[in-house]
Amino acid sequence: MELRQIKYFIEVAKREHVSEAADALHVAQSAVSRQIANLESELGIELFIREGRNVRLTAIGKVFLEHMETAMNEIEKAKQEIDEFLDPQKGMIRVGFPSSLASHTLPTVISAFRDKYPGIGFQLRQGSYRYLIESVIKGSIDLAFVGPVPTNEKDIKGHILFVERIVALLSSDHVLADRPSLRLSQLRDDSFVLFPPGFILRDIVVGACKQMGFEPKVSFEGEDIDAIKGLVATGLGITLLPEVTLIDSKPRTTVAIPVIDPNVTRTVGVIIPRYRELPPSEKLFYNFLKEFFAVLNQFSQ
């Protein structure tokens, strides 16, 4: 089995089309087809079902793909680690993050880190809560910012950087817009604008509402925080969002009000693989994050 065959196989599996894979790889289609055929012959199995010009993975092909992606990630990491051991301050860090930390937290810490280590680069990947956890486990990203920090994932280790409030966002003409604080039960008759099911921020809001004895009435759902803010700004509902998402981008026609009953919060932190040692550049960034937020937390107390 050759490394070239594995690369060709993964590209065809991703695109489900041999010609498109060949174009992406900048090689002839016949070369891709030949290498895939050689790989199948060596393994003694069919990896693809041919459907005209398209292909799709067989059941065993899907299993093989999962293992090969992990293997390629490890090979790339090995190359990267060698480079980083030669010079830890000239590495490349792959960082995952959720949309709720994209506008303020992530740029702030990366900017501060780059001031100290200008030779280190970043590959940034945004994703859902579950996607980020699975990507760290699989090794396709090195570490990820998440909120809340998971406590029951055996393959990752989480470190809490800070705890933040979840606040209510209302349109400025809402009947409760002038209140200094709110009890969540005061919003039980309102329509909520939330993330779709499966998003962790929705789970936090729904859980808090149930704690107060009601199920939120959801009028709109959106996967983008700015879209949710926009819907609230036009009076189409209310929402609860992490306070950090409103630091630099609160719509002009909205108000953010603390929720005091219950006190809704989430932990925000960084996750790393539990059973894989971080390479030098990643270790520098991980330790920098812990020190950076430890100092910030001292000033915020």
C-alpha atoms as a PDB file:
ATOM      1  CA  MET A   1       0.000   0.000   0.000  1.00  0.00           C
ATOM      2  CA  GLU A   2       1.500   3.325  -1.087  1.00  0.00           C
ATOM      3  CA  LEU A   3       0.949   6.783   0.371  1.00  0.00           C
ATOM      4  CA  ARG A   4      -0.058   8.001  -3.110  1.00  0.00           C
ATOM      5  CA  GLN A   5      -2.802   5.377  -3.295  1.00  0.00           C
ATOM      6  CA  ILE A   6      -4.211   6.474   0.048  1.00  0.00           C
ATOM      7  CA  LYS A   7      -4.244  10.143  -1.016  1.00  0.00           C
ATOM      8  CA  TYR A   8      -6.017   9.271  -4.259  1.00  0.00           C
ATOM      9  CA  PHE A   9      -8.527   7.074  -2.411  1.00  0.00           C
ATOM     10  CA  ILE A  10      -9.407   9.796   0.117  1.00  0.00           C
ATOM     11  CA  GLU A  11      -9.869  12.407  -2.611  1.00  0.00           C
ATOM     12  CA  VAL A  12     -12.172  10.153  -4.660  1.00  0.00           C
ATOM     13  CA  ALA A  13     -14.120   9.208  -1.525  1.00  0.00           C
ATOM     14  CA  LYS A  14     -14.649  12.887  -0.642  1.00  0.00           C
ATOM     15  CA  ARG A  15     -15.808  13.892  -4.123  1.00  0.00           C
ATOM     16  CA  GLU A  16     -17.512  10.657  -5.188  1.00  0.00           C
ATOM     17  CA  HIS A  17     -16.224  11.371  -8.683  1.00  0.00           C
ATOM     18  CA  VAL A  18     -12.968  10.170 -10.216  1.00  0.00           C
ATOM     19  CA  SER A  19     -12.581  13.017 -12.733  1.00  0.00           C
ATOM     20  CA  GLU A  20     -13.129  15.711 -10.124  1.00  0.00           C
ATOM     21  CA  ALA A  21     -10.654  13.986  -7.800  1.00  0.00           C
ATOM     22  CA  ALA A  22      -8.078  13.835 -10.609  1.00  0.00           C
ATOM     23  CA  ASP A  23      -8.534  17.556 -11.301  1.00  0.00           C
ATOM     24  CA  ALA A  24      -8.068  18.373  -7.607  1.00  0.00           C
ATOM     25  CA  LEU A  25      -4.945  16.208  -7.477  1.00  0.00           C
ATOM     26  CA  HIS A  26      -3.599  17.631 -10.773  1.00  0.00           C
ATOM     27  CA  VAL A  27      -3.083  14.173 -12.275  1.00  0.00           C
ATOM     28  CA  ALA A  28      -4.680  12.240 -15.113  1.00  0.00           C
ATOM     29  CA  GLN A  29      -7.958  10.453 -14.466  1.00  0.00           C
ATOM     30  CA  SER A  30      -6.410   7.202 -15.711  1.00  0.00           C
ATOM     31  CA  ALA A  31      -3.694   7.482 -13.053  1.00  0.00           C
ATOM     32  CA  VAL A  32      -6.279   7.832 -10.286  1.00  0.00           C
ATOM     33  CA  SER A  33      -8.354   4.928 -11.604  1.00  0.00           C
ATOM     34  CA  ARG A  34      -5.278   2.732 -11.896  1.00  0.00           C
ATOM     35  CA  GLN A  35      -4.092   3.451  -8.359  1.00  0.00           C
ATOM     36  CA  ILE A  36      -7.551   2.815  -6.902  1.00  0.00           C
ATOM     37  CA  ALA A  37      -7.744  -0.479  -8.812  1.00  0.00           C
ATOM     38  CA  ASN A  38      -4.289  -1.466  -7.537  1.00  0.00           C
ATOM     39  CA  LEU A  39      -5.321  -0.629  -3.984  1.00  0.00           C
ATOM     40  CA  GLU A  40      -8.507  -2.697  -4.236  1.00  0.00           C
ATOM     41  CA  SER A  41      -6.533  -5.579  -5.739  1.00  0.00           C
ATOM     42  CA  GLU A  42      -3.985  -5.461  -2.928  1.00  0.00           C
ATOM     43  CA  LEU A  43      -6.680  -5.345  -0.249  1.00  0.00           C
ATOM     44  CA  GLY A  44      -8.833  -7.963  -1.971  1.00  0.00           C
ATOM     45  CA  ILE A  45     -12.016  -5.889  -1.581  1.00  0.00           C
ATOM     46  CA  GLU A  46     -14.090  -3.365  -3.523  1.00  0.00           C
ATOM     47  CA  LEU A  47     -13.870   0.085  -1.975  1.00  0.00           C
ATOM     48  CA  PHE A  48     -16.295   1.784  -4.381  1.00  0.00           C
ATOM     49  CA  ILE A  49     -19.547   1.055  -6.153  1.00  0.00           C
ATOM     50  CA  ARG A  50     -19.379   2.422  -9.703  1.00  0.00           C
ATOM     51  CA  GLU A  51     -22.465   4.358 -10.850  1.00  0.00           C
ATOM     52  CA  GLY A  52     -21.688   5.765 -14.293  1.00  0.00           C
ATOM     53  CA  ARG A  53     -19.264   8.643 -13.812  1.00  0.00           C
ATOM     54  CA  ASN A  54     -19.933   8.750 -10.093  1.00  0.00           C
ATOM     55  CA  VAL A  55     -18.736   6.390  -7.393  1.00  0.00           C
ATOM     56  CA  ARG A  56     -19.749   5.809  -3.802  1.00  0.00           C
ATOM     57  CA  LEU A  57     -18.097   3.968  -0.974  1.00  0.00           C
ATOM     58  CA  THR A  58     -19.023   0.412  -0.123  1.00  0.00           C
ATOM     59  CA  ALA A  59     -19.696  -0.383   3.535  1.00  0.00           C
ATOM     60  CA  ILE A  60     -16.138  -1.628   4.008  1.00  0.00           C
ATOM     61  CA  GLY A  61     -14.907   1.363   2.011  1.00  0.00           C
ATOM     62  CA  LYS A  62     -16.412   3.681   4.619  1.00  0.00           C
ATOM     63  CA  VAL A  63     -14.589   1.823   7.379  1.00  0.00           C
ATOM     64  CA  PHE A  64     -11.345   1.992   5.406  1.00  0.00           C
ATOM     65  CA  LEU A  65     -11.806   5.734   4.795  1.00  0.00           C
ATOM     66  CA  GLU A  66     -12.166   6.452   8.508  1.00  0.00           C
ATOM     67  CA  HIS A  67      -8.915   4.630   9.269  1.00  0.00           C
ATOM     68  CA  MET A  68      -7.048   6.200   6.360  1.00  0.00           C
ATOM     69  CA  GLU A  69      -8.082   9.742   7.326  1.00  0.00           C
ATOM     70  CA  THR A  70      -6.801   9.093  10.838  1.00  0.00           C
ATOM     71  CA  ALA A  71      -3.576   7.660   9.422  1.00  0.00           C
ATOM     72  CA  MET A  72      -3.019  10.663   7.117  1.00  0.00           C
ATOM     73  CA  ASN A  73      -3.667  13.045   9.990  1.00  0.00           C
ATOM     74  CA  GLU A  74      -1.023  11.234  12.017  1.00  0.00           C
ATOM     75  CA  ILE A  75       1.466  11.366   9.142  1.00  0.00           C
ATOM     76  CA  GLU A  76       0.911  15.109   8.714  1.00  0.00           C
ATOM     77  CA  LYS A  77       1.233  15.602  12.451  1.00  0.00           C
ATOM     78  CA  ALA A  78       4.505  13.665  12.465  1.00  0.00           C
ATOM     79  CA  LYS A  79       5.919  15.931   9.748  1.00  0.00           C
ATOM     80  CA  GLN A  80       4.688  19.000  11.621  1.00  0.00           C
ATOM     81  CA  GLU A  81       6.132  17.837  14.930  1.00  0.00           C
ATOM     82  CA  ILE A  82       9.566  17.301  13.383  1.00  0.00           C
ATOM     83  CA  ASP A  83       9.500  20.863  12.022  1.00  0.00           C
ATOM     84  CA  GLU A  84       8.306  22.225  15.346  1.00  0.00           C
ATOM     85  CA  PHE A  85      10.926  20.411  17.383  1.00  0.00           C
ATOM     86  CA  LEU A  86      13.528  22.024  15.139  1.00  0.00           C
ATOM     87  CA  ASP A  87      11.938  25.422  15.830  1.00  0.00           C
ATOM     88  CA  PRO A  88       8.864  25.553  18.129  1.00  0.00           C
ATOM     89  CA  GLN A  89       8.236  29.194  17.265  1.00  0.00           C
ATOM     90  CA  LYS A  90       7.647  28.515  13.566  1.00  0.00           C
ATOM     91  CA  GLY A  91       4.861  25.961  13.705  1.00  0.00           C
ATOM     92  CA  MET A  92       1.270  25.831  12.442  1.00  0.00           C
ATOM     93  CA  ILE A  93      -1.574  25.388  14.932  1.00  0.00           C
ATOM     94  CA  ARG A  94      -4.958  24.028  13.865  1.00  0.00           C
ATOM     95  CA  VAL A  95      -7.631  25.578  16.068  1.00  0.00           C
ATOM     96  CA  GLY A  96     -11.368  24.929  16.147  1.00  0.00           C
ATOM     97  CA  PHE A  97     -13.922  27.374  17.480  1.00  0.00           C
ATOM     98  CA  PRO A  98     -17.705  27.919  17.717  1.00  0.00           C
ATOM     99  CA  SER A  99     -19.474  30.908  16.188  1.00  0.00           C
ATOM    100  CA  SER A 100     -20.172  32.349  19.643  1.00  0.00           C
ATOM    101  CA  LEU A 101     -16.448  32.984  20.199  1.00  0.00           C
ATOM    102  CA  ALA A 102     -15.590  34.127  16.678  1.00  0.00           C
ATOM    103  CA  SER A 103     -16.045  37.875  16.940  1.00  0.00           C
ATOM    104  CA  HIS A 104     -14.240  38.736  20.178  1.00  0.00           C
ATOM    105  CA  THR A 105     -12.561  35.971  22.196  1.00  0.00           C
ATOM    106  CA  LEU A 106     -10.727  34.193  19.387  1.00  0.00           C
ATOM    107  CA  PRO A 107      -9.301  37.314  17.654  1.00  0.00           C
ATOM    108  CA  THR A 108      -8.240  38.766  21.012  1.00  0.00           C
ATOM    109  CA  VAL A 109      -6.208  35.773  22.161  1.00  0.00           C
ATOM    110  CA  ILE A 110      -4.678  35.013  18.765  1.00  0.00           C
ATOM    111  CA  SER A 111      -3.615  38.626  18.347  1.00  0.00           C
ATOM    112  CA  ALA A 112      -1.990  38.614  21.793  1.00  0.00           C
ATOM    113  CA  PHE A 113      -0.252  35.310  21.072  1.00  0.00           C
ATOM    114  CA  ARG A 114       1.020  36.486  17.687  1.00  0.00           C
ATOM    115  CA  ASP A 115       2.527  39.555  19.313  1.00  0.00           C
ATOM    116  CA  LYS A 116       4.659  37.185  21.369  1.00  0.00           C
ATOM    117  CA  TYR A 117       5.226  34.456  18.761  1.00  0.00           C
ATOM    118  CA  PRO A 118       4.929  36.088  15.308  1.00  0.00           C
ATOM    119  CA  GLY A 119       6.405  33.088  13.480  1.00  0.00           C
ATOM    120  CA  ILE A 120       3.592  30.697  14.424  1.00  0.00           C
ATOM    121  CA  GLY A 121       0.658  30.427  12.022  1.00  0.00           C
ATOM    122  CA  PHE A 122      -2.925  29.312  12.514  1.00  0.00           C
ATOM    123  CA  GLN A 123      -5.418  27.237  10.560  1.00  0.00           C
ATOM    124  CA  LEU A 124      -8.871  28.118  11.896  1.00  0.00           C
ATOM    125  CA  ARG A 125     -11.907  25.902  11.577  1.00  0.00           C
ATOM    126  CA  GLN A 126     -15.380  26.876  12.772  1.00  0.00           C
ATOM    127  CA  GLY A 127     -17.839  24.173  13.746  1.00  0.00           C
ATOM    128  CA  SER A 128     -20.601  22.963  16.007  1.00  0.00           C
ATOM    129  CA  TYR A 129     -19.990  21.788  19.565  1.00  0.00           C
ATOM    130  CA  ARG A 130     -20.048  18.077  18.684  1.00  0.00           C
ATOM    131  CA  TYR A 131     -17.970  18.589  15.547  1.00  0.00           C
ATOM    132  CA  LEU A 132     -15.216  20.344  17.517  1.00  0.00           C
ATOM    133  CA  ILE A 133     -15.045  17.601  20.128  1.00  0.00           C
ATOM    134  CA  GLU A 134     -14.909  14.837  17.516  1.00  0.00           C
ATOM    135  CA  SER A 135     -12.302  16.719  15.458  1.00  0.00           C
ATOM    136  CA  VAL A 136      -9.967  16.993  18.451  1.00  0.00           C
ATOM    137  CA  ILE A 137     -10.445  13.299  19.210  1.00  0.00           C
ATOM    138  CA  LYS A 138      -9.801  12.322  15.587  1.00  0.00           C
ATOM    139  CA  GLY A 139      -6.801  14.649  15.287  1.00  0.00           C
ATOM    140  CA  SER A 140      -8.018  16.795  12.393  1.00  0.00           C
ATOM    141  CA  ILE A 141      -7.576  19.833  14.665  1.00  0.00           C
ATOM    142  CA  ASP A 142      -5.089  20.223  17.501  1.00  0.00           C
ATOM    143  CA  LEU A 143      -7.238  21.986  20.066  1.00  0.00           C
ATOM    144  CA  ALA A 144     -10.564  23.790  20.191  1.00  0.00           C
ATOM    145  CA  PHE A 145     -12.370  26.512  22.082  1.00  0.00           C
ATOM    146  CA  VAL A 146     -15.745  25.305  23.369  1.00  0.00           C
ATOM    147  CA  GLY A 147     -18.500  26.431  25.671  1.00  0.00           C
ATOM    148  CA  PRO A 148     -19.481  24.779  27.900  1.00  0.00           C
ATOM    149  CA  VAL A 149     -16.365  22.725  28.617  1.00  0.00           C
ATOM    150  CA  PRO A 150     -17.379  19.030  28.474  1.00  0.00           C
ATOM    151  CA  THR A 151     -16.843  16.952  31.588  1.00  0.00           C
ATOM    152  CA  ASN A 152     -17.776  13.458  30.410  1.00  0.00           C
ATOM    153  CA  GLU A 153     -15.635  12.929  27.295  1.00  0.00           C
ATOM    154  CA  LYS A 154     -13.039  10.254  28.051  1.00  0.00           C
ATOM    155  CA  ASP A 155     -10.805  11.011  25.038  1.00  0.00           C
ATOM    156  CA  ILE A 156     -10.351  14.740  25.609  1.00  0.00           C
ATOM    157  CA  LYS A 157      -9.147  16.965  28.413  1.00  0.00           C
ATOM    158  CA  GLY A 158     -10.812  20.311  29.026  1.00  0.00           C
ATOM    159  CA  HIS A 159      -9.512  23.413  30.788  1.00  0.00           C
ATOM    160  CA  ILE A 160     -11.929  26.173  31.840  1.00  0.00           C
ATOM    161  CA  LEU A 161     -10.673  29.624  30.838  1.00  0.00           C
ATOM    162  CA  PHE A 162     -13.579  31.677  32.179  1.00  0.00           C
ATOM    163  CA  VAL A 163     -17.247  31.557  33.124  1.00  0.00           C
ATOM    164  CA  GLU A 164     -19.632  33.911  31.363  1.00  0.00           C
ATOM    165  CA  ARG A 165     -23.206  35.007  31.819  1.00  0.00           C
ATOM    166  CA  ILE A 166     -25.986  34.174  29.433  1.00  0.00           C
ATOM    167  CA  VAL A 167     -28.089  37.335  29.013  1.00  0.00           C
ATOM    168  CA  ALA A 168     -31.485  38.078  27.528  1.00  0.00           C
ATOM    169  CA  LEU A 169     -31.550  40.028  24.267  1.00  0.00           C
ATOM    170  CA  LEU A 170     -34.791  41.959  23.668  1.00  0.00           C
ATOM    171  CA  SER A 171     -35.869  44.560  21.142  1.00  0.00           C
ATOM    172  CA  SER A 172     -35.670  48.062  22.592  1.00  0.00           C
ATOM    173  CA  ASP A 173     -39.459  48.469  22.392  1.00  0.00           C
ATOM    174  CA  HIS A 174     -40.150  45.295  24.399  1.00  0.00           C
ATOM    175  CA  VAL A 175     -42.311  45.878  27.478  1.00  0.00           C
ATOM    176  CA  LEU A 176     -39.450  44.708  29.731  1.00  0.00           C
ATOM    177  CA  ALA A 177     -36.660  46.547  27.903  1.00  0.00           C
ATOM    178  CA  ASP A 178     -36.163  49.098  30.682  1.00  0.00           C
ATOM    179  CA  ARG A 179     -35.620  46.515  33.441  1.00  0.00           C
ATOM    180  CA  PRO A 180     -32.131  46.303  35.021  1.00  0.00           C
ATOM    181  CA  SER A 181     -32.486  42.538  35.315  1.00  0.00           C
ATOM    182  CA  LEU A 182     -35.005  39.808  34.547  1.00  0.00           C
ATOM    183  CA  ARG A 183     -36.358  36.597  35.943  1.00  0.00           C
ATOM    184  CA  LEU A 184     -36.559  34.046  33.154  1.00  0.00           C
ATOM    185  CA  SER A 185     -40.151  33.275  34.115  1.00  0.00           C
ATOM    186  CA  GLN A 186     -41.077  36.813  32.985  1.00  0.00           C
ATOM    187  CA  LEU A 187     -40.348  35.703  29.398  1.00  0.00           C
ATOM    188  CA  ARG A 188     -42.456  32.549  29.422  1.00  0.00           C
ATOM    189  CA  ASP A 189     -45.104  34.089  27.117  1.00  0.00           C
ATOM    190  CA  ASP A 190     -42.591  35.471  24.622  1.00  0.00           C
ATOM    191  CA  SER A 191     -41.567  33.868  21.330  1.00  0.00           C
ATOM    192  CA  PHE A 192     -37.948  32.740  21.336  1.00  0.00           C
ATOM    193  CA  VAL A 193     -35.413  32.897  18.510  1.00  0.00           C
ATOM    194  CA  LEU A 194     -33.003  30.013  19.052  1.00  0.00           C
ATOM    195  CA  PHE A 195     -30.429  27.813  17.414  1.00  0.00           C
ATOM    196  CA  PRO A 196     -31.817  24.577  15.908  1.00  0.00           C
ATOM    197  CA  PRO A 197     -31.970  21.325  17.921  1.00  0.00           C
ATOM    198  CA  GLY A 198     -28.540  19.803  18.395  1.00  0.00           C
ATOM    199  CA  PHE A 199     -26.816  23.127  19.126  1.00  0.00           C
ATOM    200  CA  ILE A 200     -25.446  23.401  22.635  1.00  0.00           C
ATOM    201  CA  LEU A 201     -26.625  27.017  23.128  1.00  0.00           C
ATOM    202  CA  ARG A 202     -30.202  25.909  22.443  1.00  0.00           C
ATOM    203  CA  ASP A 203     -29.814  23.159  25.054  1.00  0.00           C
ATOM    204  CA  ILE A 204     -28.634  25.707  27.612  1.00  0.00           C
ATOM    205  CA  VAL A 205     -31.619  28.008  26.991  1.00  0.00           C
ATOM    206  CA  VAL A 206     -34.202  25.224  26.913  1.00  0.00           C
ATOM    207  CA  GLY A 207     -32.721  23.702  30.074  1.00  0.00           C
ATOM    208  CA  ALA A 208     -32.926  27.027  31.915  1.00  0.00           C
ATOM    209  CA  CYS A 209     -36.546  27.523  30.841  1.00  0.00           C
ATOM    210  CA  LYS A 210     -37.499  24.018  31.975  1.00  0.00           C
ATOM    211  CA  GLN A 211     -35.828  24.753  35.297  1.00  0.00           C
ATOM    212  CA  MET A 212     -38.359  27.576  35.662  1.00  0.00           C
ATOM    213  CA  GLY A 213     -41.264  25.312  34.723  1.00  0.00           C
ATOM    214  CA  PHE A 214     -41.952  26.161  31.075  1.00  0.00           C
ATOM    215  CA  GLU A 215     -40.972  25.137  27.556  1.00  0.00           C
ATOM    216  CA  PRO A 216     -39.915  28.080  25.362  1.00  0.00           C
ATOM    217  CA  LYS A 217     -42.125  28.825  22.355  1.00  0.00           C
ATOM    218  CA  VAL A 218     -39.720  28.931  19.421  1.00  0.00           C
ATOM    219  CA  SER A 219     -40.832  31.205  16.578  1.00  0.00           C
ATOM    220  CA  PHE A 220     -37.613  31.194  14.532  1.00  0.00           C
ATOM    221  CA  GLU A 221     -34.435  29.127  14.375  1.00  0.00           C
ATOM    222  CA  GLY A 222     -31.072  30.144  12.952  1.00  0.00           C
ATOM    223  CA  GLU A 223     -27.538  28.762  12.855  1.00  0.00           C
ATOM    224  CA  ASP A 224     -25.943  32.209  12.631  1.00  0.00           C
ATOM    225  CA  ILE A 225     -25.697  34.432  15.710  1.00  0.00           C
ATOM    226  CA  ASP A 226     -25.956  37.658  13.719  1.00  0.00           C
ATOM    227  CA  ALA A 227     -29.138  36.406  12.045  1.00  0.00           C
ATOM    228  CA  ILE A 228     -30.632  35.616  15.457  1.00  0.00           C
ATOM    229  CA  LYS A 229     -29.714  39.089  16.698  1.00  0.00           C
ATOM    230  CA  GLY A 230     -31.307  40.619  13.595  1.00  0.00           C
ATOM    231  CA  LEU A 231     -34.586  38.784  14.145  1.00  0.00           C
ATOM    232  CA  VAL A 232     -34.672  39.999  17.747  1.00  0.00           C
ATOM    233  CA  ALA A 233     -33.885  43.557  16.613  1.00  0.00           C
ATOM    234  CA  THR A 234     -36.973  43.573  14.377  1.00  0.00           C
ATOM    235  CA  GLY A 235     -39.192  42.428  17.249  1.00  0.00           C
ATOM    236  CA  LEU A 236     -39.789  38.876  15.998  1.00  0.00           C
ATOM    237  CA  GLY A 237     -38.838  37.305  19.294  1.00  0.00           C
ATOM    238  CA  ILE A 238     -36.387  37.323  22.177  1.00  0.00           C
ATOM    239  CA  THR A 239     -33.321  35.194  22.796  1.00  0.00           C
ATOM    240  CA  LEU A 240     -30.658  34.322  25.337  1.00  0.00           C
ATOM    241  CA  LEU A 241     -27.029  34.616  24.250  1.00  0.00           C
ATOM    242  CA  PRO A 242     -23.580  34.498  25.844  1.00  0.00           C
ATOM    243  CA  GLU A 243     -22.556  37.970  26.948  1.00  0.00           C
ATOM    244  CA  VAL A 244     -19.316  37.772  24.936  1.00  0.00           C
ATOM    245  CA  THR A 245     -21.274  37.628  21.660  1.00  0.00           C
ATOM    246  CA  LEU A 246     -22.653  41.124  22.334  1.00  0.00           C
ATOM    247  CA  ILE A 247     -19.446  42.943  23.297  1.00  0.00           C
ATOM    248  CA  ASP A 248     -18.752  44.432  19.872  1.00  0.00           C
ATOM    249  CA  SER A 249     -21.886  43.634  17.882  1.00  0.00           C
ATOM    250  CA  LYS A 250     -25.142  44.304  19.693  1.00  0.00           C
ATOM    251  CA  PRO A 251     -27.796  45.593  17.281  1.00  0.00           C
ATOM    252  CA  ARG A 252     -28.689  49.231  17.888  1.00  0.00           C
ATOM    253  CA  THR A 253     -32.396  48.507  18.454  1.00  0.00           C
ATOM    254  CA  THR A 254     -31.849  45.843  21.121  1.00  0.00           C
ATOM    255  CA  VAL A 255     -31.071  45.735  24.825  1.00  0.00           C
ATOM    256  CA  ALA A 256     -29.119  43.079  26.716  1.00  0.00           C
ATOM    257  CA  ILE A 257     -30.429  42.402  30.213  1.00  0.00           C
ATOM    258  CA  PRO A 258     -28.914  40.097  32.874  1.00  0.00           C
ATOM    259  CA  VAL A 259     -31.016  37.101  33.894  1.00  0.00           C
ATOM    260  CA  ILE A 260     -30.916  36.679  37.678  1.00  0.00           C
ATOM    261  CA  ASP A 261     -33.371  33.822  38.229  1.00  0.00           C
ATOM    262  CA  PRO A 262     -31.966  31.377  37.395  1.00  0.00           C
ATOM    263  CA  ASN A 263     -28.405  32.604  37.042  1.00  0.00           C
ATOM    264  CA  VAL A 264     -27.644  31.216  33.568  1.00  0.00           C
ATOM    265  CA  THR A 265     -23.949  30.781  32.815  1.00  0.00           C
ATOM    266  CA  ARG A 266     -21.635  28.629  30.738  1.00  0.00           C
ATOM    267  CA  THR A 267     -18.028  27.646  31.121  1.00  0.00           C
ATOM    268  CA  VAL A 268     -15.748  28.554  28.213  1.00  0.00           C
ATOM    269  CA  GLY A 269     -12.456  26.810  27.706  1.00  0.00           C
ATOM    270  CA  VAL A 270     -10.111  24.845  25.525  1.00  0.00           C
ATOM    271  CA  ILE A 271     -10.065  21.108  24.835  1.00  0.00           C
ATOM    272  CA  ILE A 272      -7.075  18.983  23.851  1.00  0.00           C
ATOM    273  CA  PRO A 273      -6.632  15.243  23.236  1.00  0.00           C
ATOM    274  CA  ARG A 274      -6.212  13.281  26.458  1.00  0.00           C
ATOM    275  CA  TYR A 275      -3.964  10.555  25.089  1.00  0.00           C
ATOM    276  CA  ARG A 276      -1.838  12.461  22.536  1.00  0.00           C
ATOM    277  CA  GLU A 277       1.011  14.727  23.495  1.00  0.00           C
ATOM    278  CA  LEU A 278       0.674  18.243  22.096  1.00  0.00           C
ATOM    279  CA  PRO A 279       3.500  19.253  19.721  1.00  0.00           C
ATOM    280  CA  PRO A 280       5.696  22.180  20.828  1.00  0.00           C
ATOM    281  CA  SER A 281       3.838  25.025  19.064  1.00  0.00           C
ATOM    282  CA  GLU A 282       0.451  23.805  20.299  1.00  0.00           C
ATOM    283  CA  LYS A 283       1.858  23.426  23.791  1.00  0.00           C
ATOM    284  CA  LEU A 284       3.085  27.031  23.672  1.00  0.00           C
ATOM    285  CA  PHE A 285      -0.396  28.218  22.676  1.00  0.00           C
ATOM    286  CA  TYR A 286      -2.179  26.030  25.232  1.00  0.00           C
ATOM    287  CA  ASN A 287      -0.002  27.302  28.091  1.00  0.00           C
ATOM    288  CA  PHE A 288      -0.332  30.871  26.805  1.00  0.00           C
ATOM    289  CA  LEU A 289      -4.132  30.578  26.928  1.00  0.00           C
ATOM    290  CA  LYS A 290      -4.116  29.396  30.531  1.00  0.00           C
ATOM    291  CA  GLU A 291      -1.802  32.213  31.610  1.00  0.00           C
ATOM    292  CA  PHE A 292      -3.618  34.874  29.544  1.00  0.00           C
ATOM    293  CA  PHE A 293      -7.042  34.146  31.036  1.00  0.00           C
ATOM    294  CA  ALA A 294      -5.689  33.622  34.539  1.00  0.00           C
ATOM    295  CA  VAL A 295      -4.457  37.235  34.435  1.00  0.00           C
ATOM    296  CA  LEU A 296      -7.749  38.490  32.954  1.00  0.00           C
ATOM    297  CA  ASN A 297      -9.764  36.667  35.597  1.00  0.00           C
ATOM    298  CA  GLN A 298      -7.747  38.320  38.365  1.00  0.00           C
ATOM    299  CA  PHE A 299      -8.689  41.766  37.051  1.00  0.00           C
ATOM    300  CA  SER A 300     -12.364  40.859  36.568  1.00  0.00           C
ATOM    301  CA  GLN A 301     -12.885  39.671  40.127  1.00  0.00           C
END
